[in-house]
């Protein structure tokens, strides 16, 4: 529905808040995904709701021992939802509190469809507020290597892969030793 969802924004948001605290992981998973899409597509500015939304999503990042697949997917969908908030209005997100949680949740483990919004947020921040990501550069390079690993699972689409390789090239100009140490040299143009 994309922007056509706008007239239903408030009732849906209330429904998603309730669903985020449901005891079923599958319901939480779907609620996180839906809340992120609502923020992404509604023409209403939901940034005044960000702190409440972030509080409701935060528990999904805590994964218990021996979690179900639905619980892992809720975790991955939480990362996607927060990433959509960042892309929509990063200034409304307390990045110093949110980034450590989201970056620690990477790489995603089961719901790779959430990788495009996650990497879109990373690309957005590198373009608009790179200093916010500098403390996490080593961890991010590990994540980049994991998702680009040719012998691993296909975790990212071609658009995300191209953006990631472009970002690695830019990072290589700033800190080639870190890029090489992370094993990302093969992804640097001319390497």
N, C-alpha and C. Protein backbone atom coordinates (compact mmCIF):
# COMPACT_ATOMS: atom_id res chain seq x y z
N UNK A 1 0.81 -1.20 0.00
CA UNK A 1 0.00 0.00 0.00
C UNK A 1 0.86 1.27 0.00
N UNK A 2 2.07 1.14 0.50
CA UNK A 2 3.00 2.27 0.58
C UNK A 2 2.31 3.50 1.20
N UNK A 3 2.35 4.66 0.54
CA UNK A 3 1.82 5.88 1.16
C UNK A 3 0.30 5.87 1.32
N UNK A 4 -0.38 4.96 0.63
CA UNK A 4 -1.84 4.86 0.78
C UNK A 4 -2.24 4.44 2.20
N UNK A 5 -1.28 4.00 2.98
CA UNK A 5 -1.54 3.57 4.35
C UNK A 5 -1.74 4.77 5.29
N UNK A 6 -1.39 5.96 4.85
CA UNK A 6 -1.37 7.15 5.69
C UNK A 6 -2.66 7.37 6.49
N UNK A 7 -3.85 7.27 5.91
CA UNK A 7 -5.06 7.53 6.71
C UNK A 7 -5.23 6.54 7.88
N UNK A 8 -4.60 5.39 7.80
CA UNK A 8 -4.73 4.37 8.85
C UNK A 8 -3.55 4.37 9.82
N UNK A 9 -2.70 5.36 9.74
CA UNK A 9 -1.46 5.37 10.51
C UNK A 9 -1.69 5.20 12.01
N UNK A 10 -2.54 6.04 12.62
CA UNK A 10 -2.71 5.99 14.08
C UNK A 10 -3.30 4.67 14.56
N UNK A 11 -4.40 4.18 13.98
CA UNK A 11 -4.92 2.90 14.49
C UNK A 11 -3.95 1.74 14.28
N UNK A 12 -3.23 1.76 13.18
CA UNK A 12 -2.25 0.69 12.95
C UNK A 12 -1.10 0.77 13.94
N UNK A 13 -0.65 1.97 14.20
CA UNK A 13 0.44 2.14 15.15
C UNK A 13 0.04 1.61 16.53
N UNK A 14 -1.18 1.92 16.96
CA UNK A 14 -1.66 1.40 18.25
C UNK A 14 -1.71 -0.12 18.25
N UNK A 15 -2.17 -0.70 17.15
CA UNK A 15 -2.20 -2.15 17.03
C UNK A 15 -0.79 -2.73 17.11
N UNK A 16 0.16 -2.10 16.45
CA UNK A 16 1.54 -2.60 16.45
C UNK A 16 2.17 -2.49 17.84
N UNK A 17 1.85 -1.42 18.57
CA UNK A 17 2.36 -1.31 19.95
C UNK A 17 1.90 -2.51 20.78
N UNK A 18 0.62 -2.83 20.66
CA UNK A 18 0.10 -3.98 21.42
C UNK A 18 0.76 -5.28 20.97
N UNK A 19 0.92 -5.43 19.66
CA UNK A 19 1.50 -6.66 19.13
C UNK A 19 2.98 -6.80 19.49
N UNK A 20 3.69 -5.69 19.64
CA UNK A 20 5.10 -5.77 20.02
C UNK A 20 5.30 -6.34 21.41
N UNK A 21 4.29 -6.23 22.26
CA UNK A 21 4.39 -6.79 23.60
C UNK A 21 3.64 -8.12 23.74
N UNK A 22 3.18 -8.67 22.64
CA UNK A 22 2.52 -9.97 22.66
C UNK A 22 3.51 -11.04 23.13
N UNK A 23 3.00 -12.10 23.69
CA UNK A 23 3.90 -13.15 24.18
C UNK A 23 4.40 -14.06 23.05
N UNK A 24 3.76 -14.05 21.91
CA UNK A 24 4.16 -14.89 20.78
C UNK A 24 5.22 -14.19 19.94
N UNK A 25 6.34 -14.89 19.74
CA UNK A 25 7.44 -14.32 18.97
C UNK A 25 7.04 -14.01 17.53
N UNK A 26 6.18 -14.83 16.94
CA UNK A 26 5.75 -14.59 15.56
C UNK A 26 4.96 -13.29 15.45
N UNK A 27 4.15 -13.00 16.45
CA UNK A 27 3.37 -11.75 16.46
C UNK A 27 4.32 -10.57 16.63
N UNK A 28 5.29 -10.69 17.52
CA UNK A 28 6.28 -9.63 17.73
C UNK A 28 7.07 -9.38 16.44
N UNK A 29 7.45 -10.47 15.79
CA UNK A 29 8.20 -10.39 14.53
C UNK A 29 7.42 -9.58 13.50
N UNK A 30 6.17 -9.94 13.31
CA UNK A 30 5.34 -9.25 12.33
C UNK A 30 5.08 -7.80 12.73
N UNK A 31 4.93 -7.55 14.02
CA UNK A 31 4.69 -6.19 14.50
C UNK A 31 5.90 -5.29 14.25
N UNK A 32 7.09 -5.81 14.50
CA UNK A 32 8.31 -5.02 14.26
C UNK A 32 8.43 -4.69 12.77
N UNK A 33 8.20 -5.69 11.94
CA UNK A 33 8.27 -5.48 10.50
C UNK A 33 7.24 -4.43 10.06
N UNK A 34 6.00 -4.59 10.52
CA UNK A 34 4.93 -3.69 10.12
C UNK A 34 5.16 -2.27 10.63
N UNK A 35 5.64 -2.14 11.86
CA UNK A 35 5.91 -0.81 12.42
C UNK A 35 6.98 -0.09 11.60
N UNK A 36 8.02 -0.82 11.21
CA UNK A 36 9.06 -0.22 10.37
C UNK A 36 8.53 0.23 9.03
N UNK A 37 7.70 -0.61 8.42
CA UNK A 37 7.11 -0.22 7.13
C UNK A 37 6.17 0.96 7.27
N UNK A 38 5.43 1.01 8.37
CA UNK A 38 4.53 2.14 8.59
C UNK A 38 5.32 3.45 8.67
N UNK A 39 6.40 3.44 9.44
CA UNK A 39 7.25 4.63 9.54
C UNK A 39 7.83 4.98 8.17
N UNK A 40 8.24 3.98 7.43
CA UNK A 40 8.86 4.21 6.13
C UNK A 40 7.87 4.80 5.12
N UNK A 41 6.63 4.32 5.12
CA UNK A 41 5.71 4.68 4.04
C UNK A 41 4.64 5.70 4.39
N UNK A 42 4.28 5.82 5.64
CA UNK A 42 3.24 6.79 5.98
C UNK A 42 3.72 8.20 5.69
N UNK A 43 2.84 9.02 5.19
CA UNK A 43 3.19 10.41 4.95
C UNK A 43 3.10 11.24 6.23
N UNK A 44 2.60 10.64 7.30
CA UNK A 44 2.59 11.30 8.60
C UNK A 44 3.98 11.24 9.21
N UNK A 45 4.37 12.31 9.84
CA UNK A 45 5.66 12.33 10.53
C UNK A 45 5.50 11.60 11.86
N UNK A 46 6.08 10.43 11.95
CA UNK A 46 5.97 9.64 13.18
C UNK A 46 7.17 9.83 14.11
N UNK A 47 8.05 10.77 13.79
CA UNK A 47 9.22 10.96 14.64
C UNK A 47 8.87 11.29 16.09
N UNK A 48 7.74 11.96 16.39
CA UNK A 48 7.40 12.14 17.81
C UNK A 48 7.13 10.80 18.53
N UNK A 49 6.87 9.75 17.78
CA UNK A 49 6.64 8.43 18.35
C UNK A 49 7.91 7.59 18.45
N UNK A 50 9.01 8.08 17.95
CA UNK A 50 10.22 7.25 17.87
C UNK A 50 10.66 6.69 19.22
N UNK A 51 10.70 7.51 20.25
CA UNK A 51 11.18 7.01 21.54
C UNK A 51 10.27 5.90 22.07
N UNK A 52 8.96 6.09 21.91
CA UNK A 52 8.02 5.06 22.34
C UNK A 52 8.20 3.80 21.50
N UNK A 53 8.34 3.96 20.20
CA UNK A 53 8.56 2.81 19.32
C UNK A 53 9.86 2.10 19.66
N UNK A 54 10.92 2.85 19.84
CA UNK A 54 12.21 2.24 20.18
C UNK A 54 12.13 1.46 21.48
N UNK A 55 11.41 2.00 22.45
CA UNK A 55 11.23 1.28 23.73
C UNK A 55 10.45 -0.01 23.54
N UNK A 56 9.45 0.03 22.67
CA UNK A 56 8.64 -1.17 22.42
C UNK A 56 9.42 -2.22 21.64
N UNK A 57 10.31 -1.79 20.77
CA UNK A 57 11.10 -2.71 19.94
C UNK A 57 12.31 -3.25 20.70
N UNK A 58 12.84 -2.50 21.62
CA UNK A 58 14.09 -2.85 22.32
C UNK A 58 14.12 -4.28 22.86
N UNK A 59 13.08 -4.79 23.50
CA UNK A 59 13.15 -6.16 24.03
C UNK A 59 13.39 -7.24 22.97
N UNK A 60 13.07 -6.95 21.73
CA UNK A 60 13.25 -7.94 20.67
C UNK A 60 14.72 -8.19 20.36
N UNK A 61 15.58 -7.29 20.79
CA UNK A 61 17.02 -7.48 20.58
C UNK A 61 17.62 -8.47 21.58
N UNK A 62 16.90 -8.72 22.67
CA UNK A 62 17.37 -9.68 23.68
C UNK A 62 16.91 -11.06 23.27
N UNK A 63 17.85 -11.92 22.92
CA UNK A 63 17.51 -13.27 22.45
C UNK A 63 17.86 -14.26 23.56
N UNK A 64 16.87 -15.03 24.00
CA UNK A 64 17.12 -16.00 25.07
C UNK A 64 17.94 -17.19 24.56
N UNK A 65 18.48 -17.99 25.45
CA UNK A 65 19.18 -19.20 25.02
C UNK A 65 18.21 -20.13 24.26
N UNK A 66 18.72 -20.80 23.25
CA UNK A 66 17.92 -21.73 22.44
C UNK A 66 16.63 -21.11 21.92
N UNK A 67 16.74 -19.97 21.23
CA UNK A 67 15.53 -19.30 20.74
C UNK A 67 14.89 -20.05 19.57
N UNK A 68 13.61 -19.83 19.41
CA UNK A 68 12.91 -20.37 18.25
C UNK A 68 13.29 -19.55 17.01
N UNK A 69 12.98 -20.10 15.86
CA UNK A 69 13.23 -19.38 14.61
C UNK A 69 12.44 -18.06 14.60
N UNK A 70 11.21 -18.09 15.09
CA UNK A 70 10.40 -16.86 15.15
C UNK A 70 11.05 -15.81 16.03
N UNK A 71 11.70 -16.24 17.11
CA UNK A 71 12.35 -15.29 18.01
C UNK A 71 13.54 -14.64 17.31
N UNK A 72 14.31 -15.45 16.54
CA UNK A 72 15.42 -14.88 15.78
C UNK A 72 14.90 -13.92 14.71
N UNK A 73 13.81 -14.28 14.07
CA UNK A 73 13.26 -13.40 13.04
C UNK A 73 12.75 -12.10 13.66
N UNK A 74 12.19 -12.17 14.87
CA UNK A 74 11.77 -10.94 15.56
C UNK A 74 12.99 -10.05 15.83
N UNK A 75 14.09 -10.66 16.22
CA UNK A 75 15.35 -9.94 16.44
C UNK A 75 15.79 -9.23 15.16
N UNK A 76 15.80 -9.98 14.05
CA UNK A 76 16.22 -9.40 12.77
C UNK A 76 15.25 -8.32 12.31
N UNK A 77 13.95 -8.54 12.51
CA UNK A 77 12.96 -7.53 12.11
C UNK A 77 13.07 -6.28 12.97
N UNK A 78 13.48 -6.43 14.22
CA UNK A 78 13.72 -5.26 15.07
C UNK A 78 14.83 -4.41 14.49
N UNK A 79 15.90 -5.05 14.03
CA UNK A 79 17.01 -4.31 13.41
C UNK A 79 16.54 -3.60 12.15
N UNK A 80 15.70 -4.26 11.36
CA UNK A 80 15.15 -3.63 10.16
C UNK A 80 14.25 -2.46 10.49
N UNK A 81 13.42 -2.62 11.51
CA UNK A 81 12.50 -1.54 11.90
C UNK A 81 13.27 -0.30 12.36
N UNK A 82 14.25 -0.50 13.22
CA UNK A 82 15.03 0.64 13.72
C UNK A 82 15.79 1.28 12.56
N UNK A 83 16.27 0.49 11.64
CA UNK A 83 16.96 1.04 10.48
C UNK A 83 16.04 1.92 9.64
N UNK A 84 14.79 1.51 9.51
CA UNK A 84 13.83 2.33 8.77
C UNK A 84 13.58 3.66 9.48
N UNK A 85 13.56 3.65 10.80
CA UNK A 85 13.41 4.90 11.56
C UNK A 85 14.59 5.82 11.28
N UNK A 86 15.78 5.24 11.27
CA UNK A 86 17.00 6.03 11.03
C UNK A 86 16.95 6.68 9.65
N UNK A 87 16.59 5.91 8.65
CA UNK A 87 16.55 6.46 7.29
C UNK A 87 15.49 7.54 7.18
N UNK A 88 14.36 7.33 7.80
CA UNK A 88 13.27 8.30 7.70
C UNK A 88 13.61 9.62 8.40
N UNK A 89 14.22 9.54 9.60
CA UNK A 89 14.56 10.76 10.33
C UNK A 89 15.61 10.45 11.39
N UNK A 90 16.86 10.40 10.98
CA UNK A 90 17.95 10.05 11.90
C UNK A 90 18.06 11.03 13.06
N UNK A 91 17.70 12.28 12.84
CA UNK A 91 17.80 13.29 13.89
C UNK A 91 16.86 12.98 15.07
N UNK A 92 15.82 12.22 14.83
CA UNK A 92 14.86 11.88 15.89
C UNK A 92 15.24 10.60 16.63
N UNK A 93 16.34 9.98 16.23
CA UNK A 93 16.79 8.74 16.84
C UNK A 93 17.98 9.05 17.74
N UNK A 94 17.95 8.61 19.01
CA UNK A 94 19.12 8.80 19.88
C UNK A 94 20.23 7.81 19.48
N UNK A 95 20.98 8.19 18.47
CA UNK A 95 21.95 7.28 17.86
C UNK A 95 22.96 6.73 18.85
N UNK A 96 23.36 7.53 19.83
CA UNK A 96 24.35 7.03 20.79
C UNK A 96 23.82 5.86 21.61
N UNK A 97 22.51 5.75 21.76
CA UNK A 97 21.91 4.61 22.47
C UNK A 97 21.48 3.50 21.53
N UNK A 98 21.07 3.86 20.33
CA UNK A 98 20.49 2.90 19.39
C UNK A 98 21.55 2.16 18.58
N UNK A 99 22.56 2.87 18.11
CA UNK A 99 23.55 2.23 17.24
C UNK A 99 24.27 1.04 17.89
N UNK A 100 24.68 1.13 19.16
CA UNK A 100 25.34 -0.04 19.74
C UNK A 100 24.44 -1.28 19.73
N UNK A 101 23.17 -1.10 19.95
CA UNK A 101 22.24 -2.23 19.98
C UNK A 101 22.05 -2.81 18.59
N UNK A 102 21.81 -1.96 17.61
CA UNK A 102 21.57 -2.43 16.25
C UNK A 102 22.84 -3.07 15.67
N UNK A 103 23.97 -2.41 15.82
CA UNK A 103 25.21 -2.94 15.24
C UNK A 103 25.61 -4.25 15.91
N UNK A 104 25.36 -4.36 17.19
CA UNK A 104 25.64 -5.61 17.90
C UNK A 104 24.74 -6.74 17.40
N UNK A 105 23.60 -6.42 16.82
CA UNK A 105 22.65 -7.42 16.31
C UNK A 105 23.06 -7.94 14.93
N UNK A 106 24.11 -7.38 14.37
CA UNK A 106 24.54 -7.75 13.02
C UNK A 106 25.70 -8.75 13.07
N UNK A 107 25.85 -9.56 12.04
CA UNK A 107 24.98 -9.70 10.89
C UNK A 107 23.68 -10.40 11.26
N UNK A 108 22.64 -10.11 10.50
CA UNK A 108 21.36 -10.76 10.73
C UNK A 108 21.54 -12.26 10.54
N UNK A 109 20.72 -13.01 11.25
CA UNK A 109 20.93 -14.46 11.26
C UNK A 109 19.92 -15.25 10.44
N UNK A 110 18.68 -14.75 10.35
CA UNK A 110 17.65 -15.57 9.71
C UNK A 110 16.78 -14.83 8.71
N UNK A 111 16.47 -13.58 8.96
CA UNK A 111 15.57 -12.87 8.06
C UNK A 111 16.38 -11.89 7.22
N UNK A 112 17.01 -12.42 6.18
CA UNK A 112 17.89 -11.62 5.34
C UNK A 112 17.15 -10.59 4.52
N UNK A 113 15.82 -10.67 4.46
CA UNK A 113 15.05 -9.63 3.77
C UNK A 113 15.15 -8.29 4.51
N UNK A 114 15.61 -8.32 5.76
CA UNK A 114 15.80 -7.08 6.51
C UNK A 114 17.17 -6.46 6.24
N UNK A 115 18.03 -7.14 5.52
CA UNK A 115 19.35 -6.57 5.22
C UNK A 115 19.27 -5.30 4.37
N UNK A 116 18.42 -5.21 3.34
CA UNK A 116 18.37 -3.95 2.58
C UNK A 116 18.08 -2.72 3.45
N UNK A 117 17.07 -2.73 4.35
CA UNK A 117 16.89 -1.53 5.17
C UNK A 117 18.04 -1.30 6.16
N UNK A 118 18.62 -2.39 6.67
CA UNK A 118 19.75 -2.23 7.60
C UNK A 118 20.91 -1.54 6.89
N UNK A 119 21.25 -2.03 5.70
CA UNK A 119 22.38 -1.43 4.99
C UNK A 119 22.03 -0.06 4.43
N UNK A 120 20.78 0.16 4.10
CA UNK A 120 20.37 1.49 3.66
C UNK A 120 20.62 2.50 4.79
N UNK A 121 20.33 2.11 6.03
CA UNK A 121 20.58 2.99 7.18
C UNK A 121 22.07 3.22 7.37
N UNK A 122 22.86 2.16 7.21
CA UNK A 122 24.32 2.31 7.33
C UNK A 122 24.84 3.24 6.24
N UNK A 123 24.40 3.05 5.01
CA UNK A 123 24.84 3.92 3.92
C UNK A 123 24.41 5.37 4.19
N UNK A 124 23.16 5.52 4.67
CA UNK A 124 22.64 6.86 4.98
C UNK A 124 23.51 7.55 6.03
N UNK A 125 23.83 6.83 7.08
CA UNK A 125 24.63 7.44 8.15
C UNK A 125 26.06 7.71 7.69
N UNK A 126 26.64 6.82 6.91
CA UNK A 126 27.98 7.10 6.39
C UNK A 126 27.97 8.35 5.51
N UNK A 127 26.86 8.59 4.83
CA UNK A 127 26.76 9.77 3.96
C UNK A 127 26.42 11.05 4.69
N UNK A 128 25.68 10.95 5.79
CA UNK A 128 25.19 12.16 6.45
C UNK A 128 25.81 12.42 7.83
N UNK A 129 26.25 11.36 8.50
CA UNK A 129 26.75 11.49 9.87
C UNK A 129 27.80 10.41 10.13
N UNK A 130 28.88 10.40 9.35
CA UNK A 130 29.84 9.29 9.46
C UNK A 130 30.48 9.17 10.83
N UNK A 131 30.61 10.27 11.54
CA UNK A 131 31.23 10.21 12.87
C UNK A 131 30.41 9.35 13.84
N UNK A 132 29.12 9.22 13.60
CA UNK A 132 28.28 8.37 14.46
C UNK A 132 28.67 6.90 14.32
N UNK A 133 29.20 6.52 13.16
CA UNK A 133 29.56 5.12 12.91
C UNK A 133 31.02 4.80 13.18
N UNK A 134 31.87 5.80 13.31
CA UNK A 134 33.31 5.55 13.49
C UNK A 134 33.62 4.64 14.68
N UNK A 135 32.95 4.78 15.83
CA UNK A 135 33.28 3.87 16.94
C UNK A 135 32.99 2.40 16.63
N UNK A 136 32.21 2.15 15.60
CA UNK A 136 31.79 0.79 15.27
C UNK A 136 32.45 0.27 14.00
N UNK A 137 33.47 0.97 13.51
CA UNK A 137 34.03 0.63 12.21
C UNK A 137 34.57 -0.80 12.16
N UNK A 138 35.27 -1.25 13.20
CA UNK A 138 35.80 -2.62 13.18
C UNK A 138 34.68 -3.65 13.12
N UNK A 139 33.66 -3.47 13.92
CA UNK A 139 32.52 -4.40 13.92
C UNK A 139 31.82 -4.36 12.56
N UNK A 140 31.63 -3.17 12.01
CA UNK A 140 30.96 -3.07 10.72
C UNK A 140 31.77 -3.75 9.62
N UNK A 141 33.08 -3.63 9.66
CA UNK A 141 33.91 -4.31 8.65
C UNK A 141 33.74 -5.83 8.76
N UNK A 142 33.63 -6.34 9.98
CA UNK A 142 33.37 -7.78 10.18
C UNK A 142 32.02 -8.16 9.57
N UNK A 143 31.03 -7.31 9.79
CA UNK A 143 29.69 -7.57 9.24
C UNK A 143 29.74 -7.55 7.72
N UNK A 144 30.44 -6.58 7.16
CA UNK A 144 30.55 -6.48 5.71
C UNK A 144 31.17 -7.76 5.14
N UNK A 145 32.25 -8.23 5.79
CA UNK A 145 32.90 -9.45 5.34
C UNK A 145 31.94 -10.64 5.42
N UNK A 146 31.18 -10.72 6.50
CA UNK A 146 30.25 -11.84 6.67
C UNK A 146 29.18 -11.88 5.59
N UNK A 147 28.62 -10.74 5.25
CA UNK A 147 27.54 -10.75 4.25
C UNK A 147 28.06 -10.86 2.82
N UNK A 148 29.33 -10.53 2.62
CA UNK A 148 29.91 -10.64 1.28
C UNK A 148 30.63 -11.97 1.06
N UNK A 149 30.76 -12.77 2.09
CA UNK A 149 31.46 -14.05 2.01
C UNK A 149 30.89 -14.89 0.87
N UNK A 150 31.70 -15.16 -0.17
CA UNK A 150 31.17 -15.89 -1.32
C UNK A 150 30.73 -17.32 -1.01
N UNK A 151 31.35 -17.95 -0.01
CA UNK A 151 30.97 -19.33 0.31
C UNK A 151 29.82 -19.40 1.31
N UNK A 152 29.36 -18.24 1.79
CA UNK A 152 28.28 -18.21 2.77
C UNK A 152 26.91 -18.12 2.12
N UNK A 153 25.93 -17.94 2.95
CA UNK A 153 24.55 -17.78 2.47
C UNK A 153 24.44 -16.48 1.68
N UNK A 154 23.54 -16.46 0.71
CA UNK A 154 23.28 -15.25 -0.05
C UNK A 154 22.41 -14.34 0.81
N UNK A 155 23.03 -13.35 1.45
CA UNK A 155 22.35 -12.54 2.44
C UNK A 155 21.89 -11.18 1.94
N UNK A 156 22.46 -10.72 0.83
CA UNK A 156 22.12 -9.38 0.35
C UNK A 156 21.80 -9.43 -1.14
N UNK A 157 20.99 -8.46 -1.57
CA UNK A 157 20.64 -8.38 -2.98
C UNK A 157 21.72 -7.62 -3.75
N UNK A 158 21.58 -7.57 -5.05
CA UNK A 158 22.60 -6.95 -5.89
C UNK A 158 22.76 -5.46 -5.62
N UNK A 159 21.65 -4.77 -5.34
CA UNK A 159 21.72 -3.32 -5.06
C UNK A 159 22.50 -3.07 -3.78
N UNK A 160 22.19 -3.85 -2.75
CA UNK A 160 22.89 -3.70 -1.47
C UNK A 160 24.36 -4.07 -1.64
N UNK A 161 24.63 -5.15 -2.37
CA UNK A 161 26.01 -5.57 -2.61
C UNK A 161 26.80 -4.45 -3.30
N UNK A 162 26.22 -3.85 -4.32
CA UNK A 162 26.91 -2.76 -5.04
C UNK A 162 27.17 -1.57 -4.11
N UNK A 163 26.18 -1.21 -3.29
CA UNK A 163 26.37 -0.10 -2.35
C UNK A 163 27.43 -0.42 -1.31
N UNK A 164 27.46 -1.65 -0.88
CA UNK A 164 28.44 -2.07 0.12
C UNK A 164 29.85 -2.06 -0.46
N UNK A 165 30.01 -2.53 -1.67
CA UNK A 165 31.33 -2.52 -2.31
C UNK A 165 31.79 -1.08 -2.54
N UNK A 166 30.87 -0.21 -2.90
CA UNK A 166 31.22 1.21 -3.06
C UNK A 166 31.66 1.80 -1.71
N UNK A 167 30.94 1.47 -0.64
CA UNK A 167 31.31 1.97 0.69
C UNK A 167 32.67 1.43 1.11
N UNK A 168 32.93 0.16 0.86
CA UNK A 168 34.23 -0.43 1.21
C UNK A 168 35.34 0.30 0.47
N UNK A 169 35.11 0.65 -0.79
CA UNK A 169 36.09 1.42 -1.54
C UNK A 169 36.37 2.77 -0.90
N UNK A 170 35.32 3.44 -0.45
CA UNK A 170 35.49 4.73 0.22
C UNK A 170 36.23 4.57 1.55
N UNK A 171 35.88 3.54 2.30
CA UNK A 171 36.56 3.29 3.57
C UNK A 171 38.02 2.92 3.36
N UNK A 172 38.30 2.26 2.25
CA UNK A 172 39.68 1.88 1.94
C UNK A 172 40.55 3.11 1.72
N UNK A 173 39.96 4.19 1.22
CA UNK A 173 40.73 5.42 1.02
C UNK A 173 41.09 6.05 2.36
N UNK A 174 40.22 5.87 3.38
CA UNK A 174 40.46 6.45 4.70
C UNK A 174 41.35 5.56 5.56
N UNK A 175 41.12 4.26 5.52
CA UNK A 175 41.83 3.34 6.41
C UNK A 175 42.09 2.01 5.69
N UNK A 176 43.01 2.02 4.71
CA UNK A 176 43.26 0.80 3.94
C UNK A 176 43.72 -0.37 4.80
N UNK A 177 44.46 -0.08 5.85
CA UNK A 177 44.96 -1.16 6.71
C UNK A 177 43.81 -1.89 7.40
N UNK A 178 42.78 -1.15 7.81
CA UNK A 178 41.62 -1.78 8.45
C UNK A 178 40.82 -2.62 7.45
N UNK A 179 40.65 -2.09 6.26
CA UNK A 179 39.90 -2.81 5.22
C UNK A 179 40.63 -4.10 4.86
N UNK A 180 41.94 -4.01 4.71
CA UNK A 180 42.73 -5.21 4.37
C UNK A 180 42.71 -6.21 5.53
N UNK A 181 42.87 -5.72 6.75
CA UNK A 181 42.87 -6.61 7.93
C UNK A 181 41.53 -7.33 8.08
N UNK A 182 40.45 -6.70 7.63
CA UNK A 182 39.13 -7.31 7.72
C UNK A 182 38.89 -8.33 6.60
N UNK A 183 39.87 -8.47 5.70
CA UNK A 183 39.72 -9.42 4.60
C UNK A 183 38.87 -8.91 3.47
N UNK A 184 38.72 -7.58 3.38
CA UNK A 184 37.85 -7.01 2.35
C UNK A 184 38.62 -6.49 1.14
N UNK A 185 39.94 -6.72 1.10
CA UNK A 185 40.75 -6.29 -0.03
C UNK A 185 40.22 -6.72 -1.38
N UNK A 186 39.71 -7.95 -1.51
CA UNK A 186 39.20 -8.38 -2.82
C UNK A 186 38.00 -7.56 -3.32
N UNK A 187 37.38 -6.81 -2.42
CA UNK A 187 36.21 -6.03 -2.82
C UNK A 187 36.56 -4.58 -3.13
N UNK A 188 37.86 -4.26 -3.04
CA UNK A 188 38.31 -2.91 -3.35
C UNK A 188 38.69 -2.87 -4.82
N UNK A 189 38.15 -1.93 -5.54
CA UNK A 189 38.42 -1.79 -6.97
C UNK A 189 39.92 -1.60 -7.19
N UNK A 190 40.48 -2.40 -8.09
CA UNK A 190 41.90 -2.28 -8.40
C UNK A 190 42.79 -3.08 -7.47
N UNK A 191 42.19 -3.78 -6.49
CA UNK A 191 43.02 -4.55 -5.55
C UNK A 191 43.38 -5.90 -6.11
